Amino acid sequence: MKYNIQIAQRMLKYYDLQNPIVENCQLDKEVQAFFSFDDGTIEICPDRLENEYEFKKALLHEIKHAIDAKRMSLQKFDEAYNNEFDRLDTLQRDGYWDNPYEVKAEKFAEREISKW
């Protein structure tokens, strides 16, 4: 699938975000998109997304993380996310799939996709 920068830029503008989006296929092979706690960059690997719907949904998921980081600050969001990750790990639960920030991002993407 070809990366559509115009759609991505419209989506960021709609949610009042200015995060950089970079195409990065150096991510782990299972990862389609990623929000960087280091600098707020949204990384996406469009070749791993089968169609435009999947591209938009993956981007929306990462946009929710960017919204949380903007609301909380990047550093506080990083700390909160990783505290949840560690807490879940201690409970022998999946730090990613059970992480409330991931669950909320996925629900956000599912809810918002109809707008795009």
PDB file of N, CA and C in Angstrom:
ATOM      1  N   MET A   1       0.831  -1.183   0.000  1.00  0.00           N
ATOM      2  CA  MET A   1       0.000   0.000   0.000  1.00  0.00           C
ATOM      3  C   MET A   1       0.878   1.250   0.000  1.00  0.00           C
ATOM      4  N   LYS A   2       0.530   2.207  -0.778  1.00  0.00           N
ATOM      5  CA  LYS A   2       1.294   3.456  -0.842  1.00  0.00           C
ATOM      6  C   LYS A   2       0.922   4.346   0.343  1.00  0.00           C
ATOM      7  N   TYR A   3       1.914   4.906   0.961  1.00  0.00           N
ATOM      8  CA  TYR A   3       1.740   5.824   2.084  1.00  0.00           C
ATOM      9  C   TYR A   3       1.066   7.099   1.589  1.00  0.00           C
ATOM     10  N   ASN A   4       0.003   7.504   2.234  1.00  0.00           N
ATOM     11  CA  ASN A   4      -0.745   8.680   1.813  1.00  0.00           C
ATOM     12  C   ASN A   4      -0.531   9.817   2.819  1.00  0.00           C
ATOM     13  N   ILE A   5       0.471  10.616   2.567  1.00  0.00           N
ATOM     14  CA  ILE A   5       0.828  11.705   3.477  1.00  0.00           C
ATOM     15  C   ILE A   5      -0.288  12.736   3.606  1.00  0.00           C
ATOM     16  N   GLN A   6      -1.058  12.956   2.543  1.00  0.00           N
ATOM     17  CA  GLN A   6      -2.143  13.946   2.609  1.00  0.00           C
ATOM     18  C   GLN A   6      -3.218  13.524   3.614  1.00  0.00           C
ATOM     19  N   ILE A   7      -3.588  12.244   3.597  1.00  0.00           N
ATOM     20  CA  ILE A   7      -4.576  11.755   4.568  1.00  0.00           C
ATOM     21  C   ILE A   7      -4.016  11.888   5.978  1.00  0.00           C
ATOM     22  N   ALA A   8      -2.779  11.491   6.155  1.00  0.00           N
ATOM     23  CA  ALA A   8      -2.156  11.561   7.477  1.00  0.00           C
ATOM     24  C   ALA A   8      -2.121  13.003   7.986  1.00  0.00           C
ATOM     25  N   GLN A   9      -1.753  13.942   7.140  1.00  0.00           N
ATOM     26  CA  GLN A   9      -1.684  15.343   7.554  1.00  0.00           C
ATOM     27  C   GLN A   9      -3.076  15.894   7.899  1.00  0.00           C
ATOM     28  N   ARG A  10      -4.092  15.511   7.119  1.00  0.00           N
ATOM     29  CA  ARG A  10      -5.463  15.943   7.429  1.00  0.00           C
ATOM     30  C   ARG A  10      -5.926  15.386   8.771  1.00  0.00           C
ATOM     31  N   MET A  11      -5.573  14.148   9.035  1.00  0.00           N
ATOM     32  CA  MET A  11      -5.963  13.533  10.299  1.00  0.00           C
ATOM     33  C   MET A  11      -5.300  14.251  11.477  1.00  0.00           C
ATOM     34  N   LEU A  12      -4.019  14.528  11.363  1.00  0.00           N
ATOM     35  CA  LEU A  12      -3.320  15.240  12.435  1.00  0.00           C
ATOM     36  C   LEU A  12      -3.936  16.616  12.662  1.00  0.00           C
ATOM     37  N   LYS A  13      -4.208  17.318  11.587  1.00  0.00           N
ATOM     38  CA  LYS A  13      -4.795  18.652  11.703  1.00  0.00           C
ATOM     39  C   LYS A  13      -6.171  18.582  12.376  1.00  0.00           C
ATOM     40  N   TYR A  14      -6.976  17.617  11.992  1.00  0.00           N
ATOM     41  CA  TYR A  14      -8.312  17.444  12.568  1.00  0.00           C
ATOM     42  C   TYR A  14      -8.245  17.284  14.091  1.00  0.00           C
ATOM     43  N   TYR A  15      -7.244  16.540  14.560  1.00  0.00           N
ATOM     44  CA  TYR A  15      -7.096  16.308  16.003  1.00  0.00           C
ATOM     45  C   TYR A  15      -6.167  17.324  16.665  1.00  0.00           C
ATOM     46  N   ASP A  16      -5.853  18.401  15.943  1.00  0.00           N
ATOM     47  CA  ASP A  16      -5.044  19.494  16.458  1.00  0.00           C
ATOM     48  C   ASP A  16      -3.677  19.012  16.967  1.00  0.00           C
ATOM     49  N   LEU A  17      -3.019  18.214  16.132  1.00  0.00           N
ATOM     50  CA  LEU A  17      -1.701  17.681  16.463  1.00  0.00           C
ATOM     51  C   LEU A  17      -0.691  18.107  15.407  1.00  0.00           C
ATOM     52  N   GLN A  18       0.556  18.176  15.823  1.00  0.00           N
ATOM     53  CA  GLN A  18       1.629  18.525  14.892  1.00  0.00           C
ATOM     54  C   GLN A  18       2.762  17.505  14.950  1.00  0.00           C
ATOM     55  N   ASN A  19       2.465  16.316  15.415  1.00  0.00           N
ATOM     56  CA  ASN A  19       3.483  15.277  15.523  1.00  0.00           C
ATOM     57  C   ASN A  19       4.036  14.913  14.149  1.00  0.00           C
ATOM     58  N   PRO A  20       5.329  14.720  14.062  1.00  0.00           N
ATOM     59  CA  PRO A  20       5.894  14.252  12.794  1.00  0.00           C
ATOM     60  C   PRO A  20       5.485  12.802  12.533  1.00  0.00           C
ATOM     61  N   ILE A  21       5.248  12.492  11.277  1.00  0.00           N
ATOM     62  CA  ILE A  21       4.967  11.118  10.869  1.00  0.00           C
ATOM     63  C   ILE A  21       6.100  10.685   9.960  1.00  0.00           C
ATOM     64  N   VAL A  22       6.675   9.552  10.291  1.00  0.00           N
ATOM     65  CA  VAL A  22       7.753   9.025   9.462  1.00  0.00           C
ATOM     66  C   VAL A  22       7.444   7.588   9.066  1.00  0.00           C
ATOM     67  N   GLU A  23       7.829   7.255   7.864  1.00  0.00           N
ATOM     68  CA  GLU A  23       7.720   5.878   7.413  1.00  0.00           C
ATOM     69  C   GLU A  23       8.948   5.148   7.925  1.00  0.00           C
ATOM     70  N   ASN A  24       8.717   4.084   8.661  1.00  0.00           N
ATOM     71  CA  ASN A  24       9.835   3.381   9.274  1.00  0.00           C
ATOM     72  C   ASN A  24       9.585   1.879   9.231  1.00  0.00           C
ATOM     73  N   CYS A  25      10.101   1.228   8.247  1.00  0.00           N
ATOM     74  CA  CYS A  25       9.932  -0.220   8.145  1.00  0.00           C
ATOM     75  C   CYS A  25      11.038  -0.967   8.875  1.00  0.00           C
ATOM     76  N   GLN A  26      11.786  -0.276   9.717  1.00  0.00           N
ATOM     77  CA  GLN A  26      12.803  -0.921  10.538  1.00  0.00           C
ATOM     78  C   GLN A  26      12.216  -1.383  11.871  1.00  0.00           C
ATOM     79  N   LEU A  27      10.911  -1.137  12.054  1.00  0.00           N
ATOM     80  CA  LEU A  27      10.237  -1.589  13.265  1.00  0.00           C
ATOM     81  C   LEU A  27      10.190  -3.113  13.278  1.00  0.00           C
ATOM     82  N   ASP A  28      10.000  -3.710  14.474  1.00  0.00           N
ATOM     83  CA  ASP A  28       9.834  -5.159  14.540  1.00  0.00           C
ATOM     84  C   ASP A  28       8.816  -5.601  13.507  1.00  0.00           C
ATOM     85  N   LYS A  29       9.019  -6.776  12.937  1.00  0.00           N
ATOM     86  CA  LYS A  29       8.212  -7.176  11.783  1.00  0.00           C
ATOM     87  C   LYS A  29       6.722  -7.298  12.075  1.00  0.00           C
ATOM     88  N   GLU A  30       6.329  -7.450  13.331  1.00  0.00           N
ATOM     89  CA  GLU A  30       4.904  -7.516  13.657  1.00  0.00           C
ATOM     90  C   GLU A  30       4.273  -6.130  13.797  1.00  0.00           C
ATOM     91  N   VAL A  31       5.099  -5.118  13.967  1.00  0.00           N
ATOM     92  CA  VAL A  31       4.614  -3.771  14.258  1.00  0.00           C
ATOM     93  C   VAL A  31       4.248  -3.051  12.957  1.00  0.00           C
ATOM     94  N   GLN A  32       3.029  -2.500  12.948  1.00  0.00           N
ATOM     95  CA  GLN A  32       2.568  -1.735  11.788  1.00  0.00           C
ATOM     96  C   GLN A  32       2.766  -0.240  11.988  1.00  0.00           C
ATOM     97  N   ALA A  33       2.643   0.198  13.235  1.00  0.00           N
ATOM     98  CA  ALA A  33       2.795   1.621  13.559  1.00  0.00           C
ATOM     99  C   ALA A  33       3.240   1.724  15.013  1.00  0.00           C
ATOM    100  N   PHE A  34       3.811   2.892  15.353  1.00  0.00           N
ATOM    101  CA  PHE A  34       4.432   3.036  16.668  1.00  0.00           C
ATOM    102  C   PHE A  34       4.443   4.511  17.057  1.00  0.00           C
ATOM    103  N   PHE A  35       4.171   4.788  18.332  1.00  0.00           N
ATOM    104  CA  PHE A  35       4.297   6.135  18.872  1.00  0.00           C
ATOM    105  C   PHE A  35       5.574   6.191  19.693  1.00  0.00           C
ATOM    106  N   SER A  36       6.456   7.102  19.363  1.00  0.00           N
ATOM    107  CA  SER A  36       7.737   7.214  20.063  1.00  0.00           C
ATOM    108  C   SER A  36       7.607   8.107  21.293  1.00  0.00           C
ATOM    109  N   PHE A  37       7.928   7.539  22.446  1.00  0.00           N
ATOM    110  CA  PHE A  37       7.949   8.319  23.685  1.00  0.00           C
ATOM    111  C   PHE A  37       9.154   9.249  23.718  1.00  0.00           C
ATOM    112  N   ASP A  38      10.133   9.003  22.875  1.00  0.00           N
ATOM    113  CA  ASP A  38      11.328   9.849  22.855  1.00  0.00           C
ATOM    114  C   ASP A  38      11.032  11.246  22.338  1.00  0.00           C
ATOM    115  N   ASP A  39      10.274  11.317  21.236  1.00  0.00           N
ATOM    116  CA  ASP A  39      10.056  12.625  20.619  1.00  0.00           C
ATOM    117  C   ASP A  39       8.632  12.863  20.103  1.00  0.00           C
ATOM    118  N   GLY A  40       7.724  11.920  20.354  1.00  0.00           N
ATOM    119  CA  GLY A  40       6.339  12.102  19.919  1.00  0.00           C
ATOM    120  C   GLY A  40       6.107  11.791  18.449  1.00  0.00           C
ATOM    121  N   THR A  41       7.108  11.235  17.797  1.00  0.00           N
ATOM    122  CA  THR A  41       6.972  10.878  16.394  1.00  0.00           C
ATOM    123  C   THR A  41       6.029   9.687  16.247  1.00  0.00           C
ATOM    124  N   ILE A  42       5.217   9.734  15.201  1.00  0.00           N
ATOM    125  CA  ILE A  42       4.385   8.594  14.840  1.00  0.00           C
ATOM    126  C   ILE A  42       5.086   7.901  13.683  1.00  0.00           C
ATOM    127  N   GLU A  43       5.459   6.654  13.916  1.00  0.00           N
ATOM    128  CA  GLU A  43       6.143   5.878  12.895  1.00  0.00           C
ATOM    129  C   GLU A  43       5.144   4.893  12.301  1.00  0.00           C
ATOM    130  N   ILE A  44       5.187   4.727  11.000  1.00  0.00           N
ATOM    131  CA  ILE A  44       4.253   3.822  10.343  1.00  0.00           C
ATOM    132  C   ILE A  44       4.972   3.057   9.240  1.00  0.00           C
ATOM    133  N   CYS A  45       4.563   1.821   9.058  1.00  0.00           N
ATOM    134  CA  CYS A  45       5.140   0.983   8.014  1.00  0.00           C
ATOM    135  C   CYS A  45       4.013   0.569   7.065  1.00  0.00           C
ATOM    136  N   PRO A  46       3.723   1.397   6.074  1.00  0.00           N
ATOM    137  CA  PRO A  46       2.566   1.161   5.213  1.00  0.00           C
ATOM    138  C   PRO A  46       2.613  -0.146   4.435  1.00  0.00           C
ATOM    139  N   ASP A  47       3.793  -0.678   4.160  1.00  0.00           N
ATOM    140  CA  ASP A  47       3.874  -1.939   3.426  1.00  0.00           C
ATOM    141  C   ASP A  47       3.305  -3.111   4.228  1.00  0.00           C
ATOM    142  N   ARG A  48       3.148  -2.925   5.510  1.00  0.00           N
ATOM    143  CA  ARG A  48       2.585  -3.981   6.359  1.00  0.00           C
ATOM    144  C   ARG A  48       1.073  -3.839   6.540  1.00  0.00           C
ATOM    145  N   LEU A  49       0.515  -2.815   5.937  1.00  0.00           N
ATOM    146  CA  LEU A  49      -0.927  -2.566   6.027  1.00  0.00           C
ATOM    147  C   LEU A  49      -1.550  -2.914   4.684  1.00  0.00           C
ATOM    148  N   GLU A  50      -2.586  -3.724   4.716  1.00  0.00           N
ATOM    149  CA  GLU A  50      -3.132  -4.281   3.478  1.00  0.00           C
ATOM    150  C   GLU A  50      -3.954  -3.305   2.655  1.00  0.00           C
ATOM    151  N   ASN A  51      -4.547  -2.313   3.309  1.00  0.00           N
ATOM    152  CA  ASN A  51      -5.431  -1.406   2.573  1.00  0.00           C
ATOM    153  C   ASN A  51      -5.517  -0.066   3.298  1.00  0.00           C
ATOM    154  N   GLU A  52      -6.243   0.847   2.697  1.00  0.00           N
ATOM    155  CA  GLU A  52      -6.368   2.194   3.258  1.00  0.00           C
ATOM    156  C   GLU A  52      -7.072   2.189   4.615  1.00  0.00           C
ATOM    157  N   TYR A  53      -8.046   1.322   4.788  1.00  0.00           N
ATOM    158  CA  TYR A  53      -8.748   1.209   6.063  1.00  0.00           C
ATOM    159  C   TYR A  53      -7.759   0.863   7.177  1.00  0.00           C
ATOM    160  N   GLU A  54      -6.923  -0.141   6.955  1.00  0.00           N
ATOM    161  CA  GLU A  54      -5.934  -0.530   7.956  1.00  0.00           C
ATOM    162  C   GLU A  54      -4.936   0.594   8.222  1.00  0.00           C
ATOM    163  N   PHE A  55      -4.543   1.311   7.173  1.00  0.00           N
ATOM    164  CA  PHE A  55      -3.632   2.440   7.334  1.00  0.00           C
ATOM    165  C   PHE A  55      -4.255   3.488   8.251  1.00  0.00           C
ATOM    166  N   LYS A  56      -5.500   3.846   7.975  1.00  0.00           N
ATOM    167  CA  LYS A  56      -6.173   4.875   8.773  1.00  0.00           C
ATOM    168  C   LYS A  56      -6.375   4.416  10.209  1.00  0.00           C
ATOM    169  N   LYS A  57      -6.756   3.168  10.382  1.00  0.00           N
ATOM    170  CA  LYS A  57      -6.989   2.663  11.735  1.00  0.00           C
ATOM    171  C   LYS A  57      -5.697   2.634  12.540  1.00  0.00           C
ATOM    172  N   ALA A  58      -4.613   2.187  11.927  1.00  0.00           N
ATOM    173  CA  ALA A  58      -3.320   2.172  12.621  1.00  0.00           C
ATOM    174  C   ALA A  58      -2.887   3.594  12.983  1.00  0.00           C
ATOM    175  N   LEU A  59      -3.080   4.514  12.054  1.00  0.00           N
ATOM    176  CA  LEU A  59      -2.723   5.900  12.317  1.00  0.00           C
ATOM    177  C   LEU A  59      -3.581   6.491  13.431  1.00  0.00           C
ATOM    178  N   LEU A  60      -4.869   6.208  13.411  1.00  0.00           N
ATOM    179  CA  LEU A  60      -5.754   6.702  14.467  1.00  0.00           C
ATOM    180  C   LEU A  60      -5.343   6.164  15.835  1.00  0.00           C
ATOM    181  N   HIS A  61      -4.944   4.919  15.885  1.00  0.00           N
ATOM    182  CA  HIS A  61      -4.477   4.326  17.142  1.00  0.00           C
ATOM    183  C   HIS A  61      -3.295   5.132  17.688  1.00  0.00           C
ATOM    184  N   GLU A  62      -2.345   5.431  16.823  1.00  0.00           N
ATOM    185  CA  GLU A  62      -1.168   6.199  17.252  1.00  0.00           C
ATOM    186  C   GLU A  62      -1.523   7.650  17.539  1.00  0.00           C
ATOM    187  N   ILE A  63      -2.490   8.186  16.836  1.00  0.00           N
ATOM    188  CA  ILE A  63      -2.961   9.551  17.102  1.00  0.00           C
ATOM    189  C   ILE A  63      -3.525   9.651  18.519  1.00  0.00           C
ATOM    190  N   LYS A  64      -4.218   8.602  18.976  1.00  0.00           N
ATOM    191  CA  LYS A  64      -4.735   8.621  20.359  1.00  0.00           C
ATOM    192  C   LYS A  64      -3.584   8.720  21.347  1.00  0.00           C
ATOM    193  N   HIS A  65      -2.492   8.005  21.082  1.00  0.00           N
ATOM    194  CA  HIS A  65      -1.327   8.135  21.964  1.00  0.00           C
ATOM    195  C   HIS A  65      -0.783   9.560  21.920  1.00  0.00           C
ATOM    196  N   ALA A  66      -0.757  10.166  20.742  1.00  0.00           N
ATOM    197  CA  ALA A  66      -0.279  11.545  20.615  1.00  0.00           C
ATOM    198  C   ALA A  66      -1.196  12.511  21.365  1.00  0.00           C
ATOM    199  N   ILE A  67      -2.493  12.267  21.318  1.00  0.00           N
ATOM    200  CA  ILE A  67      -3.450  13.100  22.053  1.00  0.00           C
ATOM    201  C   ILE A  67      -3.191  12.985  23.554  1.00  0.00           C
ATOM    202  N   ASP A  68      -2.999  11.766  24.038  1.00  0.00           N
ATOM    203  CA  ASP A  68      -2.706  11.568  25.466  1.00  0.00           C
ATOM    204  C   ASP A  68      -1.402  12.249  25.860  1.00  0.00           C
ATOM    205  N   ALA A  69      -0.391  12.138  25.008  1.00  0.00           N
ATOM    206  CA  ALA A  69       0.895  12.780  25.302  1.00  0.00           C
ATOM    207  C   ALA A  69       0.762  14.298  25.319  1.00  0.00           C
ATOM    208  N   LYS A  70      -0.055  14.827  24.431  1.00  0.00           N
ATOM    209  CA  LYS A  70      -0.263  16.278  24.405  1.00  0.00           C
ATOM    210  C   LYS A  70      -0.998  16.729  25.671  1.00  0.00           C
ATOM    211  N   ARG A  71      -1.970  15.946  26.075  1.00  0.00           N
ATOM    212  CA  ARG A  71      -2.770  16.287  27.259  1.00  0.00           C
ATOM    213  C   ARG A  71      -1.950  16.164  28.545  1.00  0.00           C
ATOM    214  N   MET A  72      -1.153  15.116  28.641  1.00  0.00           N
ATOM    215  CA  MET A  72      -0.426  14.823  29.877  1.00  0.00           C
ATOM    216  C   MET A  72       0.998  15.380  29.886  1.00  0.00           C
ATOM    217  N   SER A  73       1.579  15.576  28.758  1.00  0.00           N
ATOM    218  CA  SER A  73       2.990  15.857  28.461  1.00  0.00           C
ATOM    219  C   SER A  73       3.619  14.525  28.074  1.00  0.00           C
ATOM    220  N   LEU A  74       4.568  14.618  27.196  1.00  0.00           N
ATOM    221  CA  LEU A  74       5.210  13.414  26.678  1.00  0.00           C
ATOM    222  C   LEU A  74       5.856  12.610  27.806  1.00  0.00           C
ATOM    223  N   GLN A  75       6.545  13.298  28.694  1.00  0.00           N
ATOM    224  CA  GLN A  75       7.234  12.616  29.791  1.00  0.00           C
ATOM    225  C   GLN A  75       6.246  11.929  30.733  1.00  0.00           C
ATOM    226  N   LYS A  76       5.170  12.618  31.112  1.00  0.00           N
ATOM    227  CA  LYS A  76       4.197  12.020  32.036  1.00  0.00           C
ATOM    228  C   LYS A  76       3.439  10.869  31.383  1.00  0.00           C
ATOM    229  N   PHE A  77       3.157  10.985  30.084  1.00  0.00           N
ATOM    230  CA  PHE A  77       2.498   9.894  29.389  1.00  0.00           C
ATOM    231  C   PHE A  77       3.421   8.680  29.336  1.00  0.00           C
ATOM    232  N   ASP A  78       4.674   8.906  29.032  1.00  0.00           N
ATOM    233  CA  ASP A  78       5.670   7.834  29.011  1.00  0.00           C
ATOM    234  C   ASP A  78       5.707   7.119  30.366  1.00  0.00           C
ATOM    235  N   GLU A  79       5.769   7.892  31.432  1.00  0.00           N
ATOM    236  CA  GLU A  79       5.823   7.310  32.779  1.00  0.00           C
ATOM    237  C   GLU A  79       4.553   6.530  33.096  1.00  0.00           C
ATOM    238  N   ALA A  80       3.397   7.118  32.806  1.00  0.00           N
ATOM    239  CA  ALA A  80       2.119   6.455  33.098  1.00  0.00           C
ATOM    240  C   ALA A  80       1.975   5.162  32.303  1.00  0.00           C
ATOM    241  N   TYR A  81       2.314   5.227  31.025  1.00  0.00           N
ATOM    242  CA  TYR A  81       2.217   4.049  30.159  1.00  0.00           C
ATOM    243  C   TYR A  81       3.126   2.933  30.684  1.00  0.00           C
ATOM    244  N   ASN A  82       4.362   3.274  30.958  1.00  0.00           N
ATOM    245  CA  ASN A  82       5.321   2.257  31.403  1.00  0.00           C
ATOM    246  C   ASN A  82       5.034   1.758  32.814  1.00  0.00           C
ATOM    247  N   ASN A  83       4.462   2.594  33.661  1.00  0.00           N
ATOM    248  CA  ASN A  83       4.027   2.122  34.977  1.00  0.00           C
ATOM    249  C   ASN A  83       2.929   1.073  34.829  1.00  0.00           C
ATOM    250  N   GLU A  84       2.005   1.310  33.907  1.00  0.00           N
ATOM    251  CA  GLU A  84       0.954   0.323  33.633  1.00  0.00           C
ATOM    252  C   GLU A  84       1.557  -0.961  33.074  1.00  0.00           C
ATOM    253  N   PHE A  85       2.502  -0.810  32.167  1.00  0.00           N
ATOM    254  CA  PHE A  85       3.177  -1.962  31.584  1.00  0.00           C
ATOM    255  C   PHE A  85       3.820  -2.812  32.678  1.00  0.00           C
ATOM    256  N   ASP A  86       4.554  -2.164  33.575  1.00  0.00           N
ATOM    257  CA  ASP A  86       5.230  -2.873  34.666  1.00  0.00           C
ATOM    258  C   ASP A  86       4.234  -3.498  35.641  1.00  0.00           C
ATOM    259  N   ARG A  87       3.173  -2.767  35.951  1.00  0.00           N
ATOM    260  CA  ARG A  87       2.145  -3.285  36.866  1.00  0.00           C
ATOM    261  C   ARG A  87       1.517  -4.559  36.299  1.00  0.00           C
ATOM    262  N   LEU A  88       1.188  -4.519  35.024  1.00  0.00           N
ATOM    263  CA  LEU A  88       0.584  -5.685  34.384  1.00  0.00           C
ATOM    264  C   LEU A  88       1.556  -6.851  34.328  1.00  0.00           C
ATOM    265  N   ASP A  89       2.810  -6.550  34.076  1.00  0.00           N
ATOM    266  CA  ASP A  89       3.838  -7.592  34.046  1.00  0.00           C
ATOM    267  C   ASP A  89       3.938  -8.276  35.409  1.00  0.00           C
ATOM    268  N   THR A  90       3.879  -7.493  36.468  1.00  0.00           N
ATOM    269  CA  THR A  90       3.913  -8.038  37.825  1.00  0.00           C
ATOM    270  C   THR A  90       2.731  -8.970  38.070  1.00  0.00           C
ATOM    271  N   LEU A  91       1.596  -8.645  37.472  1.00  0.00           N
ATOM    272  CA  LEU A  91       0.391  -9.477  37.602  1.00  0.00           C
ATOM    273  C   LEU A  91       0.374 -10.628  36.597  1.00  0.00           C
ATOM    274  N   GLN A  92       1.462 -10.785  35.872  1.00  0.00           N
ATOM    275  CA  GLN A  92       1.604 -11.809  34.831  1.00  0.00           C
ATOM    276  C   GLN A  92       0.551 -11.656  33.735  1.00  0.00           C
ATOM    277  N   ARG A  93       0.269 -10.407  33.425  1.00  0.00           N
ATOM    278  CA  ARG A  93      -0.613 -10.079  32.301  1.00  0.00           C
ATOM    279  C   ARG A  93       0.234  -9.433  31.218  1.00  0.00           C
ATOM    280  N   ASP A  94      -0.312  -9.327  30.044  1.00  0.00           N
ATOM    281  CA  ASP A  94       0.430  -8.762  28.924  1.00  0.00           C
ATOM    282  C   ASP A  94       0.526  -7.249  29.063  1.00  0.00           C
ATOM    283  N   GLY A  95       1.748  -6.743  29.168  1.00  0.00           N
ATOM    284  CA  GLY A  95       1.970  -5.315  29.371  1.00  0.00           C
ATOM    285  C   GLY A  95       1.543  -4.466  28.202  1.00  0.00           C
ATOM    286  N   TYR A  96       1.456  -5.063  27.018  1.00  0.00           N
ATOM    287  CA  TYR A  96       0.999  -4.325  25.843  1.00  0.00           C
ATOM    288  C   TYR A  96      -0.506  -4.498  25.635  1.00  0.00           C
ATOM    289  N   TRP A  97      -0.946  -5.715  25.390  1.00  0.00           N
ATOM    290  CA  TRP A  97      -2.342  -5.943  25.018  1.00  0.00           C
ATOM    291  C   TRP A  97      -3.326  -5.604  26.130  1.00  0.00           C
ATOM    292  N   ASP A  98      -2.904  -5.736  27.383  1.00  0.00           N
ATOM    293  CA  ASP A  98      -3.794  -5.421  28.506  1.00  0.00           C
ATOM    294  C   ASP A  98      -3.605  -3.997  29.017  1.00  0.00           C
ATOM    295  N   ASN A  99      -2.674  -3.281  28.450  1.00  0.00           N
ATOM    296  CA  ASN A  99      -2.392  -1.915  28.900  1.00  0.00           C
ATOM    297  C   ASN A  99      -3.593  -1.015  28.588  1.00  0.00           C
ATOM    298  N   PRO A 100      -4.140  -0.340  29.592  1.00  0.00           N
ATOM    299  CA  PRO A 100      -5.319   0.502  29.356  1.00  0.00           C
ATOM    300  C   PRO A 100      -5.095   1.572  28.280  1.00  0.00           C
ATOM    301  N   TYR A 101      -3.864   2.040  28.131  1.00  0.00           N
ATOM    302  CA  TYR A 101      -3.594   3.036  27.087  1.00  0.00           C
ATOM    303  C   TYR A 101      -3.707   2.419  25.689  1.00  0.00           C
ATOM    304  N   GLU A 102      -3.335   1.165  25.556  1.00  0.00           N
ATOM    305  CA  GLU A 102      -3.496   0.473  24.276  1.00  0.00           C
ATOM    306  C   GLU A 102      -4.964   0.153  24.007  1.00  0.00           C
ATOM    307  N   VAL A 103      -5.668  -0.267  25.042  1.00  0.00           N
ATOM    308  CA  VAL A 103      -7.097  -0.574  24.902  1.00  0.00           C
ATOM    309  C   VAL A 103      -7.854   0.686  24.486  1.00  0.00           C
ATOM    310  N   LYS A 104      -7.558   1.804  25.136  1.00  0.00           N
ATOM    311  CA  LYS A 104      -8.221   3.071  24.797  1.00  0.00           C
ATOM    312  C   LYS A 104      -7.868   3.529  23.386  1.00  0.00           C
ATOM    313  N   ALA A 105      -6.616   3.347  22.988  1.00  0.00           N
ATOM    314  CA  ALA A 105      -6.208   3.752  21.640  1.00  0.00           C
ATOM    315  C   ALA A 105      -6.932   2.923  20.587  1.00  0.00           C
ATOM    316  N   GLU A 106      -7.102   1.649  20.850  1.00  0.00           N
ATOM    317  CA  GLU A 106      -7.793   0.789  19.891  1.00  0.00           C
ATOM    318  C   GLU A 106      -9.279   1.149  19.810  1.00  0.00           C
ATOM    319  N   LYS A 107      -9.888   1.416  20.946  1.00  0.00           N
ATOM    320  CA  LYS A 107     -11.304   1.831  20.954  1.00  0.00           C
ATOM    321  C   LYS A 107     -11.476   3.178  20.248  1.00  0.00           C
ATOM    322  N   PHE A 108     -10.555   4.091  20.463  1.00  0.00           N
ATOM    323  CA  PHE A 108     -10.578   5.381  19.786  1.00  0.00           C
ATOM    324  C   PHE A 108     -10.525   5.176  18.278  1.00  0.00           C
ATOM    325  N   ALA A 109      -9.592   4.344  17.829  1.00  0.00           N
ATOM    326  CA  ALA A 109      -9.449   4.091  16.393  1.00  0.00           C
ATOM    327  C   ALA A 109     -10.721   3.488  15.813  1.00  0.00           C
ATOM    328  N   GLU A 110     -11.308   2.552  16.514  1.00  0.00           N
ATOM    329  CA  GLU A 110     -12.547   1.918  16.043  1.00  0.00           C
ATOM    330  C   GLU A 110     -13.695   2.934  15.972  1.00  0.00           C
ATOM    331  N   ARG A 111     -13.748   3.807  16.945  1.00  0.00           N
ATOM    332  CA  ARG A 111     -14.814   4.817  16.985  1.00  0.00           C
ATOM    333  C   ARG A 111     -14.614   5.898  15.930  1.00  0.00           C
ATOM    334  N   GLU A 112     -13.379   6.330  15.714  1.00  0.00           N
ATOM    335  CA  GLU A 112     -13.086   7.451  14.835  1.00  0.00           C
ATOM    336  C   GLU A 112     -12.974   7.080  13.354  1.00  0.00           C
ATOM    337  N   ILE A 113     -12.760   5.818  13.051  1.00  0.00           N
ATOM    338  CA  ILE A 113     -12.500   5.417  11.672  1.00  0.00           C
ATOM    339  C   ILE A 113     -13.654   5.801  10.743  1.00  0.00           C
ATOM    340  N   SER A 114     -14.854   5.832  11.243  1.00  0.00           N
ATOM    341  CA  SER A 114     -16.014   6.185  10.376  1.00  0.00           C
ATOM    342  C   SER A 114     -15.932   7.625   9.869  1.00  0.00           C
ATOM    343  N   LYS A 115     -15.152   8.469  10.512  1.00  0.00           N
ATOM    344  CA  LYS A 115     -14.985   9.865  10.067  1.00  0.00           C
ATOM    345  C   LYS A 115     -14.063   9.959   8.857  1.00  0.00           C
ATOM    346  N   TRP A 116     -13.324   8.899   8.565  1.00  0.00           N
ATOM    347  CA  TRP A 116     -12.308   8.940   7.529  1.00  0.00           C
ATOM    348  C   TRP A 116     -12.582   7.973   6.415  1.00  0.00           C
TER     349      TRP A 116
END
